[in-house]
Amino acid sequence: MMRKIAFIAVLLLSACGTKESKKEVKTEIVLLSEKIANDPSNTALLLDRVNYNKDRNNFESALFDLKECVRLDSLNPNFHFMSAEIYFDLSKLPNANSKYPGFTKHHLEKTIGLSDNNYKAHALMGELLLAYAKYKEAIDQFNISLKIEYNQAKTHMLMGYTFKQLGQDENAINCFRNAVNVDPEFKEAFVQLGQMFHVKGDTSAVIYYNNALQLDTSDEMTLYNKALFYQSIMDWNAALEAYADLHKVNYTHSSGHYNKGFIHMELGLYDIAANNFADAIYSNSEFYEAYYSRGNCFETLGNIKQAEIDYTRAIEINPEYTFAIEALEQLQLKNKTFNK
């Protein structure tokens, strides 16, 4: 009984704290709005409300005040840059207004025209151009930005993305390395380096994946890519260990289970492989490749009835899956021949 009372007391305290914090937030914005109402031309106050709304992702409300700031002082490059940032953020939302990228570009051009040494504006212009696959123009803008301020990890990384899109792998690698030199805790740049060397079949990929995992031990994508790399170079033991690490984070990662099954088939351990494929199916009931592969294991182990069931199920999920169709036909043909 005492435990129940104590638990309810904690809940009540939490609820009271929530109401109080909401009251504080409401008071802050109300007081700020009252100050603006009394002094509507005060751009400093308007910017305070812009930042308040921006911090809470209330982009439309922030934009409303920024438009007023621009109207009051159209020659202020900061107002134009902040407008560009918000339009760019809005353009990335689902069902965004198709005019937002154009508005972003307009305000960035205004910013650069008023303050050409604004490295953030050049970097954002580069990011906008990258989004629209204007790769060479994007690189020009990134270079301008980095000449003004070199220590921008994100800009180095974005330029790396751009070179990657152009197929200029060495330039991309150099950019990603620059990013982690500027910011040794920039996980995404380590991930990109891992992927670049992964494609090359270079074991340096593991070093970079491990660097990323030191920063985020629960990164499923990187755990999976690391295991996949070991698998690609046929280091089966290292791959199985890496998939085990992945499943400690997320046991229902179906592709991880499937790939473990593939490895055990390569090792001739069909009974273990069948269990791996079963785990893949448990994690994803529509995983038709896993049904087919488990069927293959059962057929090899002599469990013909279960193999037929799995091949049939794979075809039910994907009627055009030729591997399962052919396997089922061959199985049924062998059974007819055997039964004669």
C-alpha atoms as a PDB file:
ATOM      1  CA  MET A   1       0.000   0.000   0.000  1.00  0.00           C
ATOM      2  CA  MET A   2       2.814   2.372   0.875  1.00  0.00           C
ATOM      3  CA  ARG A   3       4.438   1.782  -2.490  1.00  0.00           C
ATOM      4  CA  LYS A   4       1.238   2.792  -4.290  1.00  0.00           C
ATOM      5  CA  ILE A   5       0.936   5.977  -2.268  1.00  0.00           C
ATOM      6  CA  ALA A   6       4.553   6.918  -2.948  1.00  0.00           C
ATOM      7  CA  PHE A   7       4.153   6.295  -6.675  1.00  0.00           C
ATOM      8  CA  ILE A   8       1.021   8.463  -6.872  1.00  0.00           C
ATOM      9  CA  ALA A   9       2.831  11.227  -5.007  1.00  0.00           C
ATOM     10  CA  VAL A  10       5.628  11.213  -7.572  1.00  0.00           C
ATOM     11  CA  LEU A  11       3.112  11.398 -10.383  1.00  0.00           C
ATOM     12  CA  LEU A  12       1.385  14.337  -8.779  1.00  0.00           C
ATOM     13  CA  LEU A  13       4.656  16.163  -8.298  1.00  0.00           C
ATOM     14  CA  SER A  14       5.543  15.562 -11.940  1.00  0.00           C
ATOM     15  CA  ALA A  15       2.182  16.861 -13.057  1.00  0.00           C
ATOM     16  CA  CYS A  16       2.532  19.979 -10.948  1.00  0.00           C
ATOM     17  CA  GLY A  17       5.979  20.602 -12.386  1.00  0.00           C
ATOM     18  CA  THR A  18       4.619  20.310 -15.932  1.00  0.00           C
ATOM     19  CA  LYS A  19       1.836  22.809 -15.295  1.00  0.00           C
ATOM     20  CA  GLU A  20       4.285  25.251 -13.748  1.00  0.00           C
ATOM     21  CA  SER A  21       6.735  25.008 -16.661  1.00  0.00           C
ATOM     22  CA  LYS A  22       3.902  25.545 -19.145  1.00  0.00           C
ATOM     23  CA  LYS A  23       2.885  28.623 -17.206  1.00  0.00           C
ATOM     24  CA  GLU A  24       6.466  29.953 -17.375  1.00  0.00           C
ATOM     25  CA  VAL A  25       6.676  29.406 -21.147  1.00  0.00           C
ATOM     26  CA  LYS A  26       3.343  31.112 -21.696  1.00  0.00           C
ATOM     27  CA  THR A  27       4.370  34.053 -19.559  1.00  0.00           C
ATOM     28  CA  GLU A  28       7.624  34.477 -21.473  1.00  0.00           C
ATOM     29  CA  ILE A  29       6.007  34.716 -24.901  1.00  0.00           C
ATOM     30  CA  VAL A  30       3.119  36.838 -23.634  1.00  0.00           C
ATOM     31  CA  LEU A  31       5.490  39.330 -22.016  1.00  0.00           C
ATOM     32  CA  LEU A  32       7.620  39.479 -25.163  1.00  0.00           C
ATOM     33  CA  SER A  33       4.552  40.036 -27.348  1.00  0.00           C
ATOM     34  CA  GLU A  34       3.348  42.788 -25.050  1.00  0.00           C
ATOM     35  CA  LYS A  35       6.712  44.564 -25.366  1.00  0.00           C
ATOM     36  CA  ILE A  36       6.519  44.327 -29.165  1.00  0.00           C
ATOM     37  CA  ALA A  37       2.959  45.681 -29.134  1.00  0.00           C
ATOM     38  CA  ASN A  38       4.224  48.703 -27.222  1.00  0.00           C
ATOM     39  CA  ASP A  39       7.270  49.155 -29.497  1.00  0.00           C
ATOM     40  CA  PRO A  40       6.447  47.533 -32.892  1.00  0.00           C
ATOM     41  CA  SER A  41       9.491  49.002 -34.690  1.00  0.00           C
ATOM     42  CA  ASN A  42      11.995  47.515 -32.272  1.00  0.00           C
ATOM     43  CA  THR A  43      13.788  44.903 -34.394  1.00  0.00           C
ATOM     44  CA  ALA A  44      15.755  43.630 -31.379  1.00  0.00           C
ATOM     45  CA  LEU A  45      12.499  42.600 -29.722  1.00  0.00           C
ATOM     46  CA  LEU A  46      11.221  41.103 -32.946  1.00  0.00           C
ATOM     47  CA  LEU A  47      14.429  39.047 -33.236  1.00  0.00           C
ATOM     48  CA  ASP A  48      13.958  37.811 -29.667  1.00  0.00           C
ATOM     49  CA  ARG A  49      10.564  36.456 -30.683  1.00  0.00           C
ATOM     50  CA  VAL A  50      12.033  35.046 -33.912  1.00  0.00           C
ATOM     51  CA  ASN A  51      14.614  33.119 -31.910  1.00  0.00           C
ATOM     52  CA  TYR A  52      11.982  32.004 -29.399  1.00  0.00           C
ATOM     53  CA  ASN A  53       9.835  30.519 -32.161  1.00  0.00           C
ATOM     54  CA  LYS A  54      12.801  29.175 -34.118  1.00  0.00           C
ATOM     55  CA  ASP A  55      14.031  27.238 -31.067  1.00  0.00           C
ATOM     56  CA  ARG A  56      10.610  25.574 -30.945  1.00  0.00           C
ATOM     57  CA  ASN A  57      10.454  24.904 -34.712  1.00  0.00           C
ATOM     58  CA  ASN A  58       7.597  27.372 -35.085  1.00  0.00           C
ATOM     59  CA  PHE A  59       9.050  28.450 -38.421  1.00  0.00           C
ATOM     60  CA  GLU A  60       5.973  30.192 -39.805  1.00  0.00           C
ATOM     61  CA  SER A  61       5.674  32.372 -36.700  1.00  0.00           C
ATOM     62  CA  ALA A  62       9.389  33.185 -36.850  1.00  0.00           C
ATOM     63  CA  LEU A  63       9.071  34.086 -40.524  1.00  0.00           C
ATOM     64  CA  PHE A  64       6.187  36.439 -39.798  1.00  0.00           C
ATOM     65  CA  ASP A  65       8.428  38.549 -37.543  1.00  0.00           C
ATOM     66  CA  LEU A  66      11.412  38.315 -39.906  1.00  0.00           C
ATOM     67  CA  LYS A  67       9.351  39.740 -42.746  1.00  0.00           C
ATOM     68  CA  GLU A  68       8.644  42.723 -40.531  1.00  0.00           C
ATOM     69  CA  CYS A  69      12.361  43.051 -39.703  1.00  0.00           C
ATOM     70  CA  VAL A  70      13.222  43.074 -43.417  1.00  0.00           C
ATOM     71  CA  ARG A  71      10.516  45.677 -44.052  1.00  0.00           C
ATOM     72  CA  LEU A  72      11.914  47.887 -41.315  1.00  0.00           C
ATOM     73  CA  ASP A  73      15.567  47.482 -42.387  1.00  0.00           C
ATOM     74  CA  SER A  74      15.986  45.905 -45.826  1.00  0.00           C
ATOM     75  CA  LEU A  75      19.751  46.581 -45.826  1.00  0.00           C
ATOM     76  CA  ASN A  76      20.460  44.392 -42.813  1.00  0.00           C
ATOM     77  CA  PRO A  77      22.187  41.207 -44.134  1.00  0.00           C
ATOM     78  CA  ASN A  78      21.447  39.295 -40.932  1.00  0.00           C
ATOM     79  CA  PHE A  79      17.698  39.654 -41.449  1.00  0.00           C
ATOM     80  CA  HIS A  80      17.982  38.282 -44.981  1.00  0.00           C
ATOM     81  CA  PHE A  81      20.205  35.399 -43.893  1.00  0.00           C
ATOM     82  CA  MET A  82      17.869  34.373 -41.087  1.00  0.00           C
ATOM     83  CA  SER A  83      14.974  34.510 -43.555  1.00  0.00           C
ATOM     84  CA  ALA A  84      16.915  32.282 -45.952  1.00  0.00           C
ATOM     85  CA  GLU A  85      17.616  29.764 -43.166  1.00  0.00           C
ATOM     86  CA  ILE A  86      13.960  29.517 -42.240  1.00  0.00           C
ATOM     87  CA  TYR A  87      12.749  29.238 -45.833  1.00  0.00           C
ATOM     88  CA  PHE A  88      15.319  26.482 -46.353  1.00  0.00           C
ATOM     89  CA  ASP A  89      14.124  24.621 -43.245  1.00  0.00           C
ATOM     90  CA  LEU A  90      10.520  24.998 -44.391  1.00  0.00           C
ATOM     91  CA  SER A  91      11.397  23.716 -47.875  1.00  0.00           C
ATOM     92  CA  LYS A  92      12.552  20.401 -46.368  1.00  0.00           C
ATOM     93  CA  LEU A  93       9.208  19.699 -44.687  1.00  0.00           C
ATOM     94  CA  PRO A  94       6.657  17.333 -46.289  1.00  0.00           C
ATOM     95  CA  ASN A  95       4.306  19.065 -48.752  1.00  0.00           C
ATOM     96  CA  ALA A  96       6.343  22.262 -48.548  1.00  0.00           C
ATOM     97  CA  ASN A  97       5.480  25.254 -50.707  1.00  0.00           C
ATOM     98  CA  SER A  98       7.404  24.898 -53.976  1.00  0.00           C
ATOM     99  CA  LYS A  99       8.303  28.603 -53.814  1.00  0.00           C
ATOM    100  CA  TYR A 100      10.366  28.240 -50.634  1.00  0.00           C
ATOM    101  CA  PRO A 101      13.661  27.276 -52.365  1.00  0.00           C
ATOM    102  CA  GLY A 102      13.309  30.354 -54.583  1.00  0.00           C
ATOM    103  CA  PHE A 103      12.726  32.535 -51.531  1.00  0.00           C
ATOM    104  CA  THR A 104      15.782  30.930 -49.910  1.00  0.00           C
ATOM    105  CA  LYS A 105      17.930  31.796 -52.908  1.00  0.00           C
ATOM    106  CA  HIS A 106      16.537  35.343 -53.060  1.00  0.00           C
ATOM    107  CA  HIS A 107      17.444  36.104 -49.450  1.00  0.00           C
ATOM    108  CA  LEU A 108      20.862  34.459 -49.770  1.00  0.00           C
ATOM    109  CA  GLU A 109      21.657  36.617 -52.804  1.00  0.00           C
ATOM    110  CA  LYS A 110      20.560  39.669 -50.820  1.00  0.00           C
ATOM    111  CA  THR A 111      22.767  38.607 -47.912  1.00  0.00           C
ATOM    112  CA  ILE A 112      25.823  38.038 -50.100  1.00  0.00           C
ATOM    113  CA  GLY A 113      25.203  41.272 -51.969  1.00  0.00           C
ATOM    114  CA  LEU A 114      25.156  43.194 -48.701  1.00  0.00           C
ATOM    115  CA  SER A 115      27.930  41.192 -46.994  1.00  0.00           C
ATOM    116  CA  ASP A 116      30.054  39.111 -49.348  1.00  0.00           C
ATOM    117  CA  ASN A 117      32.226  37.798 -46.509  1.00  0.00           C
ATOM    118  CA  ASN A 118      29.292  36.028 -44.839  1.00  0.00           C
ATOM    119  CA  TYR A 119      30.662  32.483 -44.945  1.00  0.00           C
ATOM    120  CA  LYS A 120      27.439  31.006 -43.591  1.00  0.00           C
ATOM    121  CA  ALA A 121      25.480  32.458 -46.493  1.00  0.00           C
ATOM    122  CA  HIS A 122      27.895  30.978 -49.045  1.00  0.00           C
ATOM    123  CA  ALA A 123      27.737  27.611 -47.260  1.00  0.00           C
ATOM    124  CA  LEU A 124      23.941  27.614 -47.257  1.00  0.00           C
ATOM    125  CA  MET A 125      23.889  28.633 -50.925  1.00  0.00           C
ATOM    126  CA  GLY A 126      26.130  25.642 -51.605  1.00  0.00           C
ATOM    127  CA  GLU A 127      23.772  23.360 -49.684  1.00  0.00           C
ATOM    128  CA  LEU A 128      20.810  24.683 -51.661  1.00  0.00           C
ATOM    129  CA  LEU A 129      22.631  24.094 -54.954  1.00  0.00           C
ATOM    130  CA  LEU A 130      23.605  20.600 -53.827  1.00  0.00           C
ATOM    131  CA  ALA A 131      19.955  19.801 -53.121  1.00  0.00           C
ATOM    132  CA  TYR A 132      19.159  20.706 -56.738  1.00  0.00           C
ATOM    133  CA  ALA A 133      22.080  18.692 -58.162  1.00  0.00           C
ATOM    134  CA  LYS A 134      23.992  21.787 -59.293  1.00  0.00           C
ATOM    135  CA  TYR A 135      27.194  20.204 -58.093  1.00  0.00           C
ATOM    136  CA  LYS A 136      29.883  22.396 -59.661  1.00  0.00           C
ATOM    137  CA  GLU A 137      28.154  25.599 -58.572  1.00  0.00           C
ATOM    138  CA  ALA A 138      27.760  24.123 -55.075  1.00  0.00           C
ATOM    139  CA  ILE A 139      31.494  23.367 -54.856  1.00  0.00           C
ATOM    140  CA  ASP A 140      32.269  26.962 -55.859  1.00  0.00           C
ATOM    141  CA  GLN A 141      30.122  28.258 -53.005  1.00  0.00           C
ATOM    142  CA  PHE A 142      31.597  25.813 -50.479  1.00  0.00           C
ATOM    143  CA  ASN A 143      35.104  26.836 -51.485  1.00  0.00           C
ATOM    144  CA  ILE A 144      34.285  30.532 -51.084  1.00  0.00           C
ATOM    145  CA  SER A 145      32.827  29.831 -47.637  1.00  0.00           C
ATOM    146  CA  LEU A 146      35.824  27.764 -46.516  1.00  0.00           C
ATOM    147  CA  LYS A 147      38.294  30.401 -47.715  1.00  0.00           C
ATOM    148  CA  ILE A 148      36.575  32.863 -45.394  1.00  0.00           C
ATOM    149  CA  GLU A 149      36.274  30.409 -42.481  1.00  0.00           C
ATOM    150  CA  TYR A 150      38.032  27.047 -42.785  1.00  0.00           C
ATOM    151  CA  ASN A 151      36.843  25.502 -39.513  1.00  0.00           C
ATOM    152  CA  GLN A 152      33.407  24.401 -40.703  1.00  0.00           C
ATOM    153  CA  ALA A 153      33.015  20.651 -40.319  1.00  0.00           C
ATOM    154  CA  LYS A 154      29.560  20.554 -41.892  1.00  0.00           C
ATOM    155  CA  THR A 155      30.648  22.520 -44.968  1.00  0.00           C
ATOM    156  CA  HIS A 156      33.615  20.194 -45.530  1.00  0.00           C
ATOM    157  CA  MET A 157      31.260  17.241 -45.271  1.00  0.00           C
ATOM    158  CA  LEU A 158      28.712  18.744 -47.677  1.00  0.00           C
ATOM    159  CA  MET A 159      31.472  19.378 -50.189  1.00  0.00           C
ATOM    160  CA  GLY A 160      32.452  15.733 -49.730  1.00  0.00           C
ATOM    161  CA  TYR A 161      28.866  14.702 -50.581  1.00  0.00           C
ATOM    162  CA  THR A 162      29.065  16.856 -53.688  1.00  0.00           C
ATOM    163  CA  PHE A 163      32.322  15.331 -54.930  1.00  0.00           C
ATOM    164  CA  LYS A 164      30.858  11.889 -54.168  1.00  0.00           C
ATOM    165  CA  GLN A 165      27.904  12.659 -56.444  1.00  0.00           C
ATOM    166  CA  LEU A 166      30.350  13.645 -59.189  1.00  0.00           C
ATOM    167  CA  GLY A 167      32.246  10.366 -58.773  1.00  0.00           C
ATOM    168  CA  GLN A 168      35.361  12.190 -57.585  1.00  0.00           C
ATOM    169  CA  ASP A 169      36.076   9.771 -54.732  1.00  0.00           C
ATOM    170  CA  GLU A 170      39.530  11.027 -53.714  1.00  0.00           C
ATOM    171  CA  ASN A 171      38.286  14.598 -53.400  1.00  0.00           C
ATOM    172  CA  ALA A 172      35.290  13.349 -51.428  1.00  0.00           C
ATOM    173  CA  ILE A 173      37.535  11.380 -49.045  1.00  0.00           C
ATOM    174  CA  ASN A 174      39.757  14.431 -48.496  1.00  0.00           C
ATOM    175  CA  CYS A 175      36.715  16.543 -47.649  1.00  0.00           C
ATOM    176  CA  PHE A 176      35.350  13.983 -45.177  1.00  0.00           C
ATOM    177  CA  ARG A 177      38.795  13.793 -43.564  1.00  0.00           C
ATOM    178  CA  ASN A 178      38.887  17.581 -43.308  1.00  0.00           C
ATOM    179  CA  ALA A 179      35.517  17.440 -41.573  1.00  0.00           C
ATOM    180  CA  VAL A 180      36.736  15.071 -38.849  1.00  0.00           C
ATOM    181  CA  ASN A 181      39.974  17.038 -38.483  1.00  0.00           C
ATOM    182  CA  VAL A 182      37.900  20.124 -37.735  1.00  0.00           C
ATOM    183  CA  ASP A 183      35.483  18.181 -35.510  1.00  0.00           C
ATOM    184  CA  PRO A 184      36.819  14.844 -34.190  1.00  0.00           C
ATOM    185  CA  GLU A 185      33.320  13.989 -32.940  1.00  0.00           C
ATOM    186  CA  PHE A 186      31.585  14.423 -36.299  1.00  0.00           C
ATOM    187  CA  LYS A 187      30.026  10.976 -36.546  1.00  0.00           C
ATOM    188  CA  GLU A 188      28.448  11.395 -39.991  1.00  0.00           C
ATOM    189  CA  ALA A 189      31.825  12.204 -41.567  1.00  0.00           C
ATOM    190  CA  PHE A 190      33.306   9.004 -40.087  1.00  0.00           C
ATOM    191  CA  VAL A 191      30.334   7.072 -41.468  1.00  0.00           C
ATOM    192  CA  GLN A 192      30.886   8.556 -44.912  1.00  0.00           C
ATOM    193  CA  LEU A 193      34.579   7.634 -44.815  1.00  0.00           C
ATOM    194  CA  GLY A 194      33.633   4.111 -43.776  1.00  0.00           C
ATOM    195  CA  GLN A 195      31.252   3.806 -46.721  1.00  0.00           C
ATOM    196  CA  MET A 196      33.794   5.186 -49.191  1.00  0.00           C
ATOM    197  CA  PHE A 197      36.433   2.626 -48.184  1.00  0.00           C
ATOM    198  CA  HIS A 198      33.779  -0.092 -47.882  1.00  0.00           C
ATOM    199  CA  VAL A 199      33.010   0.232 -51.603  1.00  0.00           C
ATOM    200  CA  LYS A 200      36.727  -0.008 -52.355  1.00  0.00           C
ATOM    201  CA  GLY A 201      37.038  -3.203 -50.295  1.00  0.00           C
ATOM    202  CA  ASP A 202      39.627  -1.439 -48.149  1.00  0.00           C
ATOM    203  CA  THR A 203      39.844  -2.568 -44.508  1.00  0.00           C
ATOM    204  CA  SER A 204      40.219   1.086 -43.482  1.00  0.00           C
ATOM    205  CA  ALA A 205      36.409   1.023 -43.625  1.00  0.00           C
ATOM    206  CA  VAL A 206      36.369  -0.843 -40.303  1.00  0.00           C
ATOM    207  CA  ILE A 207      38.546   1.810 -38.642  1.00  0.00           C
ATOM    208  CA  TYR A 208      36.148   4.574 -39.660  1.00  0.00           C
ATOM    209  CA  TYR A 209      33.056   2.554 -38.757  1.00  0.00           C
ATOM    210  CA  ASN A 210      34.589   1.921 -35.320  1.00  0.00           C
ATOM    211  CA  ASN A 211      35.302   5.645 -34.916  1.00  0.00           C
ATOM    212  CA  ALA A 212      31.640   6.347 -35.615  1.00  0.00           C
ATOM    213  CA  LEU A 213      30.547   3.615 -33.185  1.00  0.00           C
ATOM    214  CA  GLN A 214      32.732   5.048 -30.423  1.00  0.00           C
ATOM    215  CA  LEU A 215      30.601   8.181 -30.728  1.00  0.00           C
ATOM    216  CA  ASP A 216      27.314   6.280 -30.954  1.00  0.00           C
ATOM    217  CA  THR A 217      27.345   2.616 -29.914  1.00  0.00           C
ATOM    218  CA  SER A 218      23.681   2.160 -30.882  1.00  0.00           C
ATOM    219  CA  ASP A 219      23.977   3.307 -34.521  1.00  0.00           C
ATOM    220  CA  GLU A 220      22.237   0.388 -36.270  1.00  0.00           C
ATOM    221  CA  MET A 221      23.181   1.438 -39.786  1.00  0.00           C
ATOM    222  CA  THR A 222      26.893   1.582 -38.965  1.00  0.00           C
ATOM    223  CA  LEU A 223      26.778  -1.702 -37.026  1.00  0.00           C
ATOM    224  CA  TYR A 224      25.098  -3.320 -40.030  1.00  0.00           C
ATOM    225  CA  ASN A 225      27.540  -1.796 -42.544  1.00  0.00           C
ATOM    226  CA  LYS A 226      30.501  -2.981 -40.483  1.00  0.00           C
ATOM    227  CA  ALA A 227      29.140  -6.537 -40.448  1.00  0.00           C
ATOM    228  CA  LEU A 228      28.341  -6.329 -44.148  1.00  0.00           C
ATOM    229  CA  PHE A 229      31.901  -5.241 -44.916  1.00  0.00           C
ATOM    230  CA  TYR A 230      33.370  -8.245 -43.095  1.00  0.00           C
ATOM    231  CA  GLN A 231      30.914 -10.430 -44.976  1.00  0.00           C
ATOM    232  CA  SER A 232      31.942  -8.893 -48.314  1.00  0.00           C
ATOM    233  CA  ILE A 233      35.585  -9.858 -47.703  1.00  0.00           C
ATOM    234  CA  MET A 234      34.482 -13.328 -46.476  1.00  0.00           C
ATOM    235  CA  ASP A 235      35.795 -12.855 -42.957  1.00  0.00           C
ATOM    236  CA  TRP A 236      32.940 -14.977 -41.640  1.00  0.00           C
ATOM    237  CA  ASN A 237      33.876 -14.987 -37.944  1.00  0.00           C
ATOM    238  CA  ALA A 238      34.292 -11.209 -37.775  1.00  0.00           C
ATOM    239  CA  ALA A 239      31.027 -10.776 -39.680  1.00  0.00           C
ATOM    240  CA  LEU A 240      29.113 -13.053 -37.281  1.00  0.00           C
ATOM    241  CA  GLU A 241      30.545 -11.160 -34.296  1.00  0.00           C
ATOM    242  CA  ALA A 242      29.533  -7.854 -35.879  1.00  0.00           C
ATOM    243  CA  TYR A 243      25.984  -9.100 -36.563  1.00  0.00           C
ATOM    244  CA  ALA A 244      25.827 -10.266 -32.924  1.00  0.00           C
ATOM    245  CA  ASP A 245      26.718  -6.707 -31.848  1.00  0.00           C
ATOM    246  CA  LEU A 246      23.959  -5.394 -34.099  1.00  0.00           C
ATOM    247  CA  HIS A 247      21.397  -7.756 -32.585  1.00  0.00           C
ATOM    248  CA  LYS A 248      22.354  -6.646 -29.074  1.00  0.00           C
ATOM    249  CA  VAL A 249      21.081  -3.230 -30.112  1.00  0.00           C
ATOM    250  CA  ASN A 250      18.109  -4.460 -32.147  1.00  0.00           C
ATOM    251  CA  TYR A 251      17.341  -8.166 -32.097  1.00  0.00           C
ATOM    252  CA  THR A 252      14.626  -7.740 -34.743  1.00  0.00           C
ATOM    253  CA  HIS A 253      17.010  -6.476 -37.443  1.00  0.00           C
ATOM    254  CA  SER A 254      15.786  -8.910 -40.080  1.00  0.00           C
ATOM    255  CA  SER A 255      18.521  -8.333 -42.681  1.00  0.00           C
ATOM    256  CA  GLY A 256      21.134  -9.070 -40.028  1.00  0.00           C
ATOM    257  CA  HIS A 257      19.524 -12.437 -39.275  1.00  0.00           C
ATOM    258  CA  TYR A 258      19.208 -13.181 -42.981  1.00  0.00           C
ATOM    259  CA  ASN A 259      22.885 -12.453 -43.613  1.00  0.00           C
ATOM    260  CA  LYS A 260      23.905 -14.666 -40.694  1.00  0.00           C
ATOM    261  CA  GLY A 261      21.900 -17.407 -42.374  1.00  0.00           C
ATOM    262  CA  PHE A 262      23.757 -16.809 -45.636  1.00  0.00           C
ATOM    263  CA  ILE A 263      27.112 -17.106 -43.848  1.00  0.00           C
ATOM    264  CA  HIS A 264      26.125 -20.346 -42.116  1.00  0.00           C
ATOM    265  CA  MET A 265      25.021 -21.758 -45.475  1.00  0.00           C
ATOM    266  CA  GLU A 266      28.445 -20.863 -46.858  1.00  0.00           C
ATOM    267  CA  LEU A 267      29.944 -22.766 -43.933  1.00  0.00           C
ATOM    268  CA  GLY A 268      27.679 -25.763 -44.618  1.00  0.00           C
ATOM    269  CA  LEU A 269      25.820 -25.332 -41.317  1.00  0.00           C
ATOM    270  CA  TYR A 270      22.307 -25.602 -42.761  1.00  0.00           C
ATOM    271  CA  ASP A 271      20.546 -26.342 -39.474  1.00  0.00           C
ATOM    272  CA  ILE A 272      21.922 -23.150 -37.897  1.00  0.00           C
ATOM    273  CA  ALA A 273      21.199 -21.220 -41.102  1.00  0.00           C
ATOM    274  CA  ALA A 274      17.570 -22.396 -41.005  1.00  0.00           C
ATOM    275  CA  ASN A 275      17.262 -20.943 -37.499  1.00  0.00           C
ATOM    276  CA  ASN A 276      18.766 -17.643 -38.673  1.00  0.00           C
ATOM    277  CA  PHE A 277      16.234 -17.428 -41.494  1.00  0.00           C
ATOM    278  CA  ALA A 278      13.475 -18.250 -38.995  1.00  0.00           C
ATOM    279  CA  ASP A 279      14.630 -15.275 -36.900  1.00  0.00           C
ATOM    280  CA  ALA A 280      14.542 -13.094 -40.030  1.00  0.00           C
ATOM    281  CA  ILE A 281      10.968 -14.245 -40.711  1.00  0.00           C
ATOM    282  CA  TYR A 282       9.986 -13.639 -37.091  1.00  0.00           C
ATOM    283  CA  SER A 283      11.347 -10.085 -37.426  1.00  0.00           C
ATOM    284  CA  ASN A 284       9.676  -9.516 -40.817  1.00  0.00           C
ATOM    285  CA  SER A 285       6.818 -11.841 -41.733  1.00  0.00           C
ATOM    286  CA  GLU A 286       6.880 -10.653 -45.369  1.00  0.00           C
ATOM    287  CA  PHE A 287      10.569 -11.483 -45.886  1.00  0.00           C
ATOM    288  CA  TYR A 288      10.047 -13.791 -48.878  1.00  0.00           C
ATOM    289  CA  GLU A 289      13.783 -14.230 -49.534  1.00  0.00           C
ATOM    290  CA  ALA A 290      14.124 -15.659 -46.026  1.00  0.00           C
ATOM    291  CA  TYR A 291      11.314 -18.150 -46.679  1.00  0.00           C
ATOM    292  CA  TYR A 292      13.038 -19.245 -49.887  1.00  0.00           C
ATOM    293  CA  SER A 293      16.449 -19.549 -48.202  1.00  0.00           C
ATOM    294  CA  ARG A 294      15.006 -21.489 -45.264  1.00  0.00           C
ATOM    295  CA  GLY A 295      13.287 -23.743 -47.752  1.00  0.00           C
ATOM    296  CA  ASN A 296      16.640 -24.325 -49.414  1.00  0.00           C
ATOM    297  CA  CYS A 297      18.115 -25.314 -46.051  1.00  0.00           C
ATOM    298  CA  PHE A 298      15.246 -27.693 -45.311  1.00  0.00           C
ATOM    299  CA  GLU A 299      15.570 -29.273 -48.751  1.00  0.00           C
ATOM    300  CA  THR A 300      19.292 -29.795 -48.199  1.00  0.00           C
ATOM    301  CA  LEU A 301      18.577 -31.327 -44.776  1.00  0.00           C
ATOM    302  CA  GLY A 302      15.986 -33.667 -46.315  1.00  0.00           C
ATOM    303  CA  ASN A 303      12.894 -31.996 -44.852  1.00  0.00           C
ATOM    304  CA  ILE A 304      11.066 -31.894 -48.193  1.00  0.00           C
ATOM    305  CA  LYS A 305       7.611 -31.122 -46.824  1.00  0.00           C
ATOM    306  CA  GLN A 306       8.795 -28.044 -44.903  1.00  0.00           C
ATOM    307  CA  ALA A 307      10.860 -26.920 -47.913  1.00  0.00           C
ATOM    308  CA  GLU A 308       7.750 -27.055 -50.091  1.00  0.00           C
ATOM    309  CA  ILE A 309       5.800 -25.026 -47.519  1.00  0.00           C
ATOM    310  CA  ASP A 310       8.510 -22.327 -47.400  1.00  0.00           C
ATOM    311  CA  TYR A 311       8.883 -22.095 -51.192  1.00  0.00           C
ATOM    312  CA  THR A 312       5.103 -21.801 -51.497  1.00  0.00           C
ATOM    313  CA  ARG A 313       4.959 -19.076 -48.862  1.00  0.00           C
ATOM    314  CA  ALA A 314       7.720 -17.103 -50.621  1.00  0.00           C
ATOM    315  CA  ILE A 315       5.694 -17.235 -53.849  1.00  0.00           C
ATOM    316  CA  GLU A 316       2.500 -16.192 -52.025  1.00  0.00           C
ATOM    317  CA  ILE A 317       4.264 -13.053 -50.782  1.00  0.00           C
ATOM    318  CA  ASN A 318       5.965 -12.344 -54.128  1.00  0.00           C
ATOM    319  CA  PRO A 319       4.355 -14.222 -57.036  1.00  0.00           C
ATOM    320  CA  GLU A 320       7.173 -13.086 -59.359  1.00  0.00           C
ATOM    321  CA  TYR A 321      10.052 -14.392 -57.235  1.00  0.00           C
ATOM    322  CA  THR A 322      11.651 -16.696 -59.796  1.00  0.00           C
ATOM    323  CA  PHE A 323      14.124 -18.373 -57.409  1.00  0.00           C
ATOM    324  CA  ALA A 324      11.281 -19.773 -55.296  1.00  0.00           C
ATOM    325  CA  ILE A 325       9.159 -20.647 -58.352  1.00  0.00           C
ATOM    326  CA  GLU A 326      11.989 -22.621 -59.955  1.00  0.00           C
ATOM    327  CA  ALA A 327      12.960 -24.275 -56.655  1.00  0.00           C
ATOM    328  CA  LEU A 328       9.375 -25.411 -56.028  1.00  0.00           C
ATOM    329  CA  GLU A 329       9.034 -26.753 -59.581  1.00  0.00           C
ATOM    330  CA  GLN A 330      12.298 -28.688 -59.285  1.00  0.00           C
ATOM    331  CA  LEU A 331      11.302 -30.040 -55.872  1.00  0.00           C
ATOM    332  CA  GLN A 332       7.916 -31.224 -57.107  1.00  0.00           C
ATOM    333  CA  LEU A 333       9.524 -32.759 -60.196  1.00  0.00           C
ATOM    334  CA  LYS A 334      12.011 -34.697 -58.067  1.00  0.00           C
ATOM    335  CA  ASN A 335       9.194 -35.928 -55.819  1.00  0.00           C
ATOM    336  CA  LYS A 336       7.204 -37.193 -58.800  1.00  0.00           C
ATOM    337  CA  THR A 337      10.243 -39.014 -60.142  1.00  0.00           C
ATOM    338  CA  PHE A 338      11.024 -40.485 -56.710  1.00  0.00           C
ATOM    339  CA  ASN A 339       7.404 -41.650 -56.154  1.00  0.00           C
ATOM    340  CA  LYS A 340       7.171 -43.517 -59.452  1.00  0.00           C
END
